[in-house]
Amino acid sequence: MYYYIYDNYLNESKHKGALFKIESRLTDLGINGKIVRLSVLKNLQKNISEELNSGIKTVVVVGDDKTLSQSINLIPDLNKVIGYIPVTNNSKIAKIMGIPSYEDACNTLSTRIIKKIDLGRINDLYYFFTCLEMPGDTLNIVCDDNYFINVEGKNNIITVNNISFDDDSGNSAVLGNDGLIKLGIKHTEKKWFKPAKETFSRFKAKKINITSDKSIPILITDEKRIVKPPLEIKIAEKKLNLIVGKNRII
C-alpha cells in the first residue's frame, strides 16, 4: 500500500497539469494510494502515525527537497520505504539519487530499487537529508571530541552535509554513505576597491559539537529554524530506506 504526502504549494493552479499526469501514471502502474497534504501540520504527524499503523508499506513524498525534509521529520517509523516524486527540475536530492522529475519519477517508484541512505541528526530532535547552513560568526566547533575549530570574525558560512560536500562553485561533490558528517567553512574576505576573496575549509567527522553565546539560525533545505546551542550533529542510527533510480551517483 502507498501513502502520498503532497506539499501544499501543489494546490496552485499551475501545477494541476503536472499532478494529473503524475496521478494518471501512478494509476497505470497500479501504485496509486491515499493522499494527504502538508497544509495542517498540527494534526498531520498523528494522522501519518495512524496510517502507518494500518499497513502502509511505502510513503511517497510529492513536492521538492524542502517537502522531503519536512516529511522525514513527520514520519515516526523510518523503517518504512520512502519514495520521492520531485515536482521541480531543481532537486539536488533527485540528481544525487537518480530520480527523474514529474511523471517520469513514477517509473522509478515502480521499480523499487531501495538503498539505505545516511540521515543527519541535530540534538536528537531534527533529521536532515542534505545540508544545514548557518552563519559562522564566533562559533566553537569540536569534532569527535578530539580537535577544536574556532571560527572567528565575520563573513563566515558553515555548511554541514550528511552525504556530500559543496565544491568551490556551489555544486555538490558526492562522497558517499560513509557514516561521516561533512563540515564546510566558507570565509569571505572583503576589502575596499578589491574583489571579495573566498576561502574554503573542509572536515569530516563522526560527530560535531557546536557552541555559541547566542541562538543559531539554521537553514535546513530552505526551511529556517532557530536552535539554541549547544548543538550535537551526527549521522542518525537509523538510515532512510529510499527508492532510488538506476542512474544515481551514490
C-alpha atoms as a PDB file:
ATOM      1  CA  MET A   1       0.000   0.000   0.000  1.00  0.00           C
ATOM      2  CA  TYR A   2       1.200   3.504  -0.888  1.00  0.00           C
ATOM      3  CA  TYR A   3       0.660   6.706   1.069  1.00  0.00           C
ATOM      4  CA  TYR A   4       1.334  10.021  -0.696  1.00  0.00           C
ATOM      5  CA  ILE A   5       2.301  13.267   1.050  1.00  0.00           C
ATOM      6  CA  TYR A   6       1.719  16.331  -1.149  1.00  0.00           C
ATOM      7  CA  ASP A   7       3.234  19.727  -0.455  1.00  0.00           C
ATOM      8  CA  ASN A   8       0.705  22.493  -0.021  1.00  0.00           C
ATOM      9  CA  TYR A   9       2.217  24.538  -2.879  1.00  0.00           C
ATOM     10  CA  LEU A  10       0.878  21.931  -5.298  1.00  0.00           C
ATOM     11  CA  ASN A  11      -2.603  23.378  -4.729  1.00  0.00           C
ATOM     12  CA  GLU A  12      -1.629  26.233  -7.052  1.00  0.00           C
ATOM     13  CA  SER A  13      -3.406  26.038 -10.396  1.00  0.00           C
ATOM     14  CA  LYS A  14      -0.156  25.988 -12.378  1.00  0.00           C
ATOM     15  CA  HIS A  15       0.602  22.502 -11.009  1.00  0.00           C
ATOM     16  CA  LYS A  16      -2.731  20.909 -11.958  1.00  0.00           C
ATOM     17  CA  GLY A  17      -1.464  19.589 -15.287  1.00  0.00           C
ATOM     18  CA  ALA A  18       1.663  18.054 -13.754  1.00  0.00           C
ATOM     19  CA  LEU A  19      -0.330  16.399 -10.955  1.00  0.00           C
ATOM     20  CA  PHE A  20      -2.838  14.994 -13.440  1.00  0.00           C
ATOM     21  CA  LYS A  21      -0.014  13.342 -15.410  1.00  0.00           C
ATOM     22  CA  ILE A  22       1.617  12.026 -12.211  1.00  0.00           C
ATOM     23  CA  GLU A  23      -1.605  10.584 -10.823  1.00  0.00           C
ATOM     24  CA  SER A  24      -2.552   9.054 -14.169  1.00  0.00           C
ATOM     25  CA  ARG A  25       0.822   7.349 -14.432  1.00  0.00           C
ATOM     26  CA  LEU A  26       0.584   6.053 -10.849  1.00  0.00           C
ATOM     27  CA  THR A  27      -2.827   4.573 -11.662  1.00  0.00           C
ATOM     28  CA  ASP A  28      -1.476   2.945 -14.830  1.00  0.00           C
ATOM     29  CA  LEU A  29       1.328   1.363 -12.789  1.00  0.00           C
ATOM     30  CA  GLY A  30      -1.094   0.213 -10.077  1.00  0.00           C
ATOM     31  CA  ILE A  31       0.705   2.108  -7.315  1.00  0.00           C
ATOM     32  CA  ASN A  32      -1.749   4.887  -6.570  1.00  0.00           C
ATOM     33  CA  GLY A  33      -2.876   5.334  -2.967  1.00  0.00           C
ATOM     34  CA  LYS A  34      -4.198   7.667  -0.293  1.00  0.00           C
ATOM     35  CA  ILE A  35      -3.156  11.335  -0.467  1.00  0.00           C
ATOM     36  CA  VAL A  36      -2.548  13.729   2.436  1.00  0.00           C
ATOM     37  CA  ARG A  37      -1.377  17.336   2.141  1.00  0.00           C
ATOM     38  CA  LEU A  38       1.165  19.209   4.248  1.00  0.00           C
ATOM     39  CA  SER A  39      -1.280  22.009   4.990  1.00  0.00           C
ATOM     40  CA  VAL A  40      -2.253  21.225   8.599  1.00  0.00           C
ATOM     41  CA  LEU A  41       0.990  20.404  10.390  1.00  0.00           C
ATOM     42  CA  LYS A  42      -0.533  20.209  13.881  1.00  0.00           C
ATOM     43  CA  ASN A  43      -2.531  17.055  13.154  1.00  0.00           C
ATOM     44  CA  LEU A  44      -0.505  15.652  10.283  1.00  0.00           C
ATOM     45  CA  GLN A  45       2.018  13.728  12.388  1.00  0.00           C
ATOM     46  CA  LYS A  46      -0.783  11.991  14.289  1.00  0.00           C
ATOM     47  CA  ASN A  47      -2.574  11.160  11.039  1.00  0.00           C
ATOM     48  CA  ILE A  48       0.608   9.768   9.491  1.00  0.00           C
ATOM     49  CA  SER A  49       1.240   7.616  12.581  1.00  0.00           C
ATOM     50  CA  GLU A  50      -2.274   6.181  12.402  1.00  0.00           C
ATOM     51  CA  GLU A  51      -1.989   5.462   8.675  1.00  0.00           C
ATOM     52  CA  LEU A  52       1.389   3.761   9.005  1.00  0.00           C
ATOM     53  CA  ASN A  53      -0.031   1.512  11.714  1.00  0.00           C
ATOM     54  CA  SER A  54      -2.804   0.440   9.324  1.00  0.00           C
ATOM     55  CA  GLY A  55      -0.485  -1.445   6.985  1.00  0.00           C
ATOM     56  CA  ILE A  56       1.086   1.252   4.799  1.00  0.00           C
ATOM     57  CA  LYS A  57       4.364  -0.083   3.404  1.00  0.00           C
ATOM     58  CA  THR A  58       5.586   2.877   1.332  1.00  0.00           C
ATOM     59  CA  VAL A  59       5.389   6.626   1.950  1.00  0.00           C
ATOM     60  CA  VAL A  60       5.865   8.791  -1.150  1.00  0.00           C
ATOM     61  CA  VAL A  61       6.701  12.491  -0.872  1.00  0.00           C
ATOM     62  CA  VAL A  62       5.470  14.656  -3.754  1.00  0.00           C
ATOM     63  CA  GLY A  63       6.973  18.147  -3.970  1.00  0.00           C
ATOM     64  CA  ASP A  64      10.525  19.441  -3.647  1.00  0.00           C
ATOM     65  CA  ASP A  65      13.555  18.875  -1.409  1.00  0.00           C
ATOM     66  CA  LYS A  66      12.007  21.013   1.341  1.00  0.00           C
ATOM     67  CA  THR A  67       8.900  18.805   1.278  1.00  0.00           C
ATOM     68  CA  LEU A  68      11.051  15.702   1.651  1.00  0.00           C
ATOM     69  CA  SER A  69      12.970  17.213   4.571  1.00  0.00           C
ATOM     70  CA  GLN A  70       9.759  18.204   6.374  1.00  0.00           C
ATOM     71  CA  SER A  71       8.135  14.837   5.783  1.00  0.00           C
ATOM     72  CA  ILE A  72      11.064  12.833   7.115  1.00  0.00           C
ATOM     73  CA  ASN A  73      10.656  14.652  10.429  1.00  0.00           C
ATOM     74  CA  LEU A  74       6.937  13.771  10.496  1.00  0.00           C
ATOM     75  CA  ILE A  75       7.365  10.045   9.844  1.00  0.00           C
ATOM     76  CA  PRO A  76       7.817   8.267  13.200  1.00  0.00           C
ATOM     77  CA  ASP A  77       8.861   4.909  11.729  1.00  0.00           C
ATOM     78  CA  LEU A  78      11.839   5.343   9.424  1.00  0.00           C
ATOM     79  CA  ASN A  79      11.857   1.611   8.710  1.00  0.00           C
ATOM     80  CA  LYS A  80       9.176   2.311   6.116  1.00  0.00           C
ATOM     81  CA  VAL A  81      10.241   2.650   2.489  1.00  0.00           C
ATOM     82  CA  ILE A  82      10.297   6.275   1.283  1.00  0.00           C
ATOM     83  CA  GLY A  83       9.672   7.324  -2.303  1.00  0.00           C
ATOM     84  CA  TYR A  84      10.108  10.767  -3.838  1.00  0.00           C
ATOM     85  CA  ILE A  85       8.391  12.411  -6.805  1.00  0.00           C
ATOM     86  CA  PRO A  86      10.035  15.807  -7.465  1.00  0.00           C
ATOM     87  CA  VAL A  87       7.629  18.382  -8.885  1.00  0.00           C
ATOM     88  CA  THR A  88      10.561  20.607  -9.803  1.00  0.00           C
ATOM     89  CA  ASN A  89      13.589  20.450 -12.076  1.00  0.00           C
ATOM     90  CA  ASN A  90      15.934  21.830  -9.399  1.00  0.00           C
ATOM     91  CA  SER A  91      16.122  18.997  -6.870  1.00  0.00           C
ATOM     92  CA  LYS A  92      19.647  18.284  -5.603  1.00  0.00           C
ATOM     93  CA  ILE A  93      18.417  15.136  -3.873  1.00  0.00           C
ATOM     94  CA  ALA A  94      16.814  13.794  -7.042  1.00  0.00           C
ATOM     95  CA  LYS A  95      20.004  14.420  -9.018  1.00  0.00           C
ATOM     96  CA  ILE A  96      22.141  12.537  -6.495  1.00  0.00           C
ATOM     97  CA  MET A  97      19.641   9.690  -6.169  1.00  0.00           C
ATOM     98  CA  GLY A  98      18.966   9.309  -9.895  1.00  0.00           C
ATOM     99  CA  ILE A  99      15.272  10.187  -9.604  1.00  0.00           C
ATOM    100  CA  PRO A 100      13.749  11.945 -12.634  1.00  0.00           C
ATOM    101  CA  SER A 101      11.213  14.740 -12.195  1.00  0.00           C
ATOM    102  CA  TYR A 102       7.435  14.774 -12.570  1.00  0.00           C
ATOM    103  CA  GLU A 103       5.645  11.715 -14.035  1.00  0.00           C
ATOM    104  CA  ASP A 104       8.932  10.036 -15.031  1.00  0.00           C
ATOM    105  CA  ALA A 105       9.625   9.553 -11.315  1.00  0.00           C
ATOM    106  CA  CYS A 106       6.641   7.177 -11.166  1.00  0.00           C
ATOM    107  CA  ASN A 107       8.585   4.600 -13.187  1.00  0.00           C
ATOM    108  CA  THR A 108      11.455   4.811 -10.697  1.00  0.00           C
ATOM    109  CA  LEU A 109       8.954   4.388  -7.876  1.00  0.00           C
ATOM    110  CA  SER A 110       7.546   1.288  -9.536  1.00  0.00           C
ATOM    111  CA  THR A 111      10.938  -0.431  -9.920  1.00  0.00           C
ATOM    112  CA  ARG A 112      11.544  -0.187  -6.122  1.00  0.00           C
ATOM    113  CA  ILE A 113      15.340  -0.108  -6.059  1.00  0.00           C
ATOM    114  CA  ILE A 114      15.842   0.580  -2.351  1.00  0.00           C
ATOM    115  CA  LYS A 115      19.051   1.986  -0.894  1.00  0.00           C
ATOM    116  CA  LYS A 116      19.826   2.806   2.730  1.00  0.00           C
ATOM    117  CA  ILE A 117      20.881   6.460   2.987  1.00  0.00           C
ATOM    118  CA  ASP A 118      22.615   8.259   5.855  1.00  0.00           C
ATOM    119  CA  LEU A 119      20.490  10.836   7.675  1.00  0.00           C
ATOM    120  CA  GLY A 120      21.890  13.695   9.728  1.00  0.00           C
ATOM    121  CA  ARG A 121      20.528  14.350  13.215  1.00  0.00           C
ATOM    122  CA  ILE A 122      20.533  17.579  15.259  1.00  0.00           C
ATOM    123  CA  ASN A 123      20.318  17.230  19.052  1.00  0.00           C
ATOM    124  CA  ASP A 124      18.163  14.104  18.607  1.00  0.00           C
ATOM    125  CA  LEU A 125      15.360  16.498  17.566  1.00  0.00           C
ATOM    126  CA  TYR A 126      15.556  17.074  13.816  1.00  0.00           C
ATOM    127  CA  TYR A 127      16.607  14.926  10.900  1.00  0.00           C
ATOM    128  CA  PHE A 128      18.214  16.449   7.831  1.00  0.00           C
ATOM    129  CA  PHE A 129      18.820  14.823   4.487  1.00  0.00           C
ATOM    130  CA  THR A 130      21.076  17.123   2.530  1.00  0.00           C
ATOM    131  CA  CYS A 131      22.548  20.231   4.059  1.00  0.00           C
ATOM    132  CA  LEU A 132      22.450  22.553   7.052  1.00  0.00           C
ATOM    133  CA  GLU A 133      23.639  26.104   6.657  1.00  0.00           C
ATOM    134  CA  MET A 134      24.319  28.584   9.449  1.00  0.00           C
ATOM    135  CA  PRO A 135      26.219  31.821   9.999  1.00  0.00           C
ATOM    136  CA  GLY A 136      29.669  31.035  11.321  1.00  0.00           C
ATOM    137  CA  ASP A 137      30.479  34.175  13.259  1.00  0.00           C
ATOM    138  CA  THR A 138      32.005  33.378  16.655  1.00  0.00           C
ATOM    139  CA  LEU A 139      31.312  29.656  16.864  1.00  0.00           C
ATOM    140  CA  ASN A 140      33.288  26.981  18.660  1.00  0.00           C
ATOM    141  CA  ILE A 141      33.288  23.635  16.871  1.00  0.00           C
ATOM    142  CA  VAL A 142      34.547  20.336  18.289  1.00  0.00           C
ATOM    143  CA  CYS A 143      34.946  17.300  16.012  1.00  0.00           C
ATOM    144  CA  ASP A 144      34.775  13.800  17.512  1.00  0.00           C
ATOM    145  CA  ASP A 145      35.629  15.183  20.984  1.00  0.00           C
ATOM    146  CA  ASN A 146      39.141  15.344  19.621  1.00  0.00           C
ATOM    147  CA  TYR A 147      40.016  18.596  17.874  1.00  0.00           C
ATOM    148  CA  PHE A 148      38.715  22.159  18.002  1.00  0.00           C
ATOM    149  CA  ILE A 149      37.874  24.588  15.224  1.00  0.00           C
ATOM    150  CA  ASN A 150      37.498  28.216  16.268  1.00  0.00           C
ATOM    151  CA  VAL A 151      35.549  30.295  13.773  1.00  0.00           C
ATOM    152  CA  GLU A 152      36.171  33.959  14.472  1.00  0.00           C
ATOM    153  CA  GLY A 153      35.274  37.220  12.804  1.00  0.00           C
ATOM    154  CA  LYS A 154      32.513  37.924  10.322  1.00  0.00           C
ATOM    155  CA  ASN A 155      31.521  36.742   6.844  1.00  0.00           C
ATOM    156  CA  ASN A 156      31.705  33.021   7.629  1.00  0.00           C
ATOM    157  CA  ILE A 157      29.178  30.432   6.459  1.00  0.00           C
ATOM    158  CA  ILE A 158      29.101  26.935   7.960  1.00  0.00           C
ATOM    159  CA  THR A 159      27.629  24.031   5.995  1.00  0.00           C
ATOM    160  CA  VAL A 160      27.027  20.544   7.351  1.00  0.00           C
ATOM    161  CA  ASN A 161      26.166  17.690   4.960  1.00  0.00           C
ATOM    162  CA  ASN A 162      25.286  14.060   5.510  1.00  0.00           C
ATOM    163  CA  ILE A 163      26.338  12.710   2.101  1.00  0.00           C
ATOM    164  CA  SER A 164      28.185  15.359   0.093  1.00  0.00           C
ATOM    165  CA  PHE A 165      30.348  18.473   0.102  1.00  0.00           C
ATOM    166  CA  ASP A 166      29.569  21.586  -1.899  1.00  0.00           C
ATOM    167  CA  ASP A 167      32.594  22.450  -4.009  1.00  0.00           C
ATOM    168  CA  ASP A 168      34.014  25.941  -4.531  1.00  0.00           C
ATOM    169  CA  SER A 169      31.390  26.618  -7.218  1.00  0.00           C
ATOM    170  CA  GLY A 170      28.485  25.572  -5.002  1.00  0.00           C
ATOM    171  CA  ASN A 171      27.960  22.213  -6.733  1.00  0.00           C
ATOM    172  CA  SER A 172      27.567  19.014  -4.734  1.00  0.00           C
ATOM    173  CA  ALA A 173      30.500  16.607  -4.909  1.00  0.00           C
ATOM    174  CA  VAL A 174      29.161  13.269  -3.673  1.00  0.00           C
ATOM    175  CA  LEU A 175      31.352  11.395  -1.211  1.00  0.00           C
ATOM    176  CA  GLY A 176      29.001   8.549  -0.404  1.00  0.00           C
ATOM    177  CA  ASN A 177      27.274   6.859   2.505  1.00  0.00           C
ATOM    178  CA  ASP A 178      30.297   6.658   4.780  1.00  0.00           C
ATOM    179  CA  GLY A 179      28.688   7.402   8.156  1.00  0.00           C
ATOM    180  CA  LEU A 180      30.543  10.710   8.453  1.00  0.00           C
ATOM    181  CA  ILE A 181      29.360  14.299   8.734  1.00  0.00           C
ATOM    182  CA  LYS A 182      30.897  16.685   6.188  1.00  0.00           C
ATOM    183  CA  LEU A 183      31.690  20.128   7.571  1.00  0.00           C
ATOM    184  CA  GLY A 184      32.471  23.055   5.303  1.00  0.00           C
ATOM    185  CA  ILE A 185      33.560  26.574   6.283  1.00  0.00           C
ATOM    186  CA  LYS A 186      33.450  29.385   3.732  1.00  0.00           C
ATOM    187  CA  HIS A 187      35.111  32.671   4.665  1.00  0.00           C
ATOM    188  CA  THR A 188      34.633  35.767   2.543  1.00  0.00           C
ATOM    189  CA  GLU A 189      37.289  38.464   2.900  1.00  0.00           C
ATOM    190  CA  LYS A 190      36.040  41.857   1.792  1.00  0.00           C
ATOM    191  CA  LYS A 191      38.356  44.785   1.086  1.00  0.00           C
ATOM    192  CA  TRP A 192      37.685  48.239  -0.237  1.00  0.00           C
ATOM    193  CA  PHE A 193      38.001  48.536  -4.016  1.00  0.00           C
ATOM    194  CA  LYS A 194      39.019  44.882  -4.401  1.00  0.00           C
ATOM    195  CA  PRO A 195      37.003  41.780  -5.372  1.00  0.00           C
ATOM    196  CA  ALA A 196      35.861  39.664  -2.432  1.00  0.00           C
ATOM    197  CA  LYS A 197      38.114  36.678  -1.783  1.00  0.00           C
ATOM    198  CA  GLU A 198      36.583  33.366  -0.684  1.00  0.00           C
ATOM    199  CA  THR A 199      38.446  30.575   1.093  1.00  0.00           C
ATOM    200  CA  PHE A 200      37.108  27.114   1.886  1.00  0.00           C
ATOM    201  CA  SER A 201      37.965  24.616   4.616  1.00  0.00           C
ATOM    202  CA  ARG A 202      36.533  21.088   4.782  1.00  0.00           C
ATOM    203  CA  PHE A 203      36.460  18.456   7.509  1.00  0.00           C
ATOM    204  CA  LYS A 204      34.889  15.040   8.099  1.00  0.00           C
ATOM    205  CA  ALA A 205      33.848  13.654  11.486  1.00  0.00           C
ATOM    206  CA  LYS A 206      31.507  11.156  13.115  1.00  0.00           C
ATOM    207  CA  LYS A 207      30.136  13.834  15.430  1.00  0.00           C
ATOM    208  CA  ILE A 208      30.274  17.628  15.552  1.00  0.00           C
ATOM    209  CA  ASN A 209      29.510  19.763  18.606  1.00  0.00           C
ATOM    210  CA  ILE A 210      28.872  23.492  18.167  1.00  0.00           C
ATOM    211  CA  THR A 211      28.649  26.090  20.935  1.00  0.00           C
ATOM    212  CA  SER A 212      27.890  29.789  20.770  1.00  0.00           C
ATOM    213  CA  ASP A 213      26.864  32.627  23.049  1.00  0.00           C
ATOM    214  CA  LYS A 214      23.578  33.088  21.196  1.00  0.00           C
ATOM    215  CA  SER A 215      20.868  31.156  19.374  1.00  0.00           C
ATOM    216  CA  ILE A 216      21.805  29.968  15.912  1.00  0.00           C
ATOM    217  CA  PRO A 217      19.539  30.337  12.857  1.00  0.00           C
ATOM    218  CA  ILE A 218      19.879  27.128  10.855  1.00  0.00           C
ATOM    219  CA  LEU A 219      18.683  26.742   7.272  1.00  0.00           C
ATOM    220  CA  ILE A 220      17.578  23.162   6.634  1.00  0.00           C
ATOM    221  CA  THR A 221      16.785  22.738   2.923  1.00  0.00           C
ATOM    222  CA  ASP A 222      15.178  26.190   2.580  1.00  0.00           C
ATOM    223  CA  GLU A 223      13.449  25.961   5.968  1.00  0.00           C
ATOM    224  CA  LYS A 224      14.832  28.187   8.719  1.00  0.00           C
ATOM    225  CA  ARG A 225      14.880  27.004  12.329  1.00  0.00           C
ATOM    226  CA  ILE A 226      16.226  28.851  15.348  1.00  0.00           C
ATOM    227  CA  VAL A 227      18.102  26.386  17.547  1.00  0.00           C
ATOM    228  CA  LYS A 228      19.629  27.155  20.914  1.00  0.00           C
ATOM    229  CA  PRO A 229      23.178  25.864  21.374  1.00  0.00           C
ATOM    230  CA  PRO A 230      24.855  23.623  22.230  1.00  0.00           C
ATOM    231  CA  LEU A 231      24.326  21.587  19.066  1.00  0.00           C
ATOM    232  CA  GLU A 232      25.324  17.976  18.539  1.00  0.00           C
ATOM    233  CA  ILE A 233      25.231  16.951  14.896  1.00  0.00           C
ATOM    234  CA  LYS A 234      25.870  13.379  13.792  1.00  0.00           C
ATOM    235  CA  ILE A 235      24.679  10.638  11.472  1.00  0.00           C
ATOM    236  CA  ALA A 236      21.494   9.084  12.837  1.00  0.00           C
ATOM    237  CA  GLU A 237      21.485   5.437  13.882  1.00  0.00           C
ATOM    238  CA  LYS A 238      18.507   4.773  11.611  1.00  0.00           C
ATOM    239  CA  LYS A 239      19.051   5.041   7.887  1.00  0.00           C
ATOM    240  CA  LEU A 240      16.494   6.165   5.334  1.00  0.00           C
ATOM    241  CA  ASN A 241      15.149   3.383   3.093  1.00  0.00           C
ATOM    242  CA  LEU A 242      14.840   5.402  -0.107  1.00  0.00           C
ATOM    243  CA  ILE A 243      13.653   4.291  -3.529  1.00  0.00           C
ATOM    244  CA  VAL A 244      16.381   5.418  -5.938  1.00  0.00           C
ATOM    245  CA  GLY A 245      16.986   5.396  -9.678  1.00  0.00           C
ATOM    246  CA  LYS A 246      19.438   3.326 -11.670  1.00  0.00           C
ATOM    247  CA  ASN A 247      21.357   6.479 -12.660  1.00  0.00           C
ATOM    248  CA  ARG A 248      22.114   7.518  -9.079  1.00  0.00           C
ATOM    249  CA  ILE A 249      25.604   8.805  -8.303  1.00  0.00           C
ATOM    250  CA  ILE A 250      25.858   7.469  -4.770  1.00  0.00           C
END
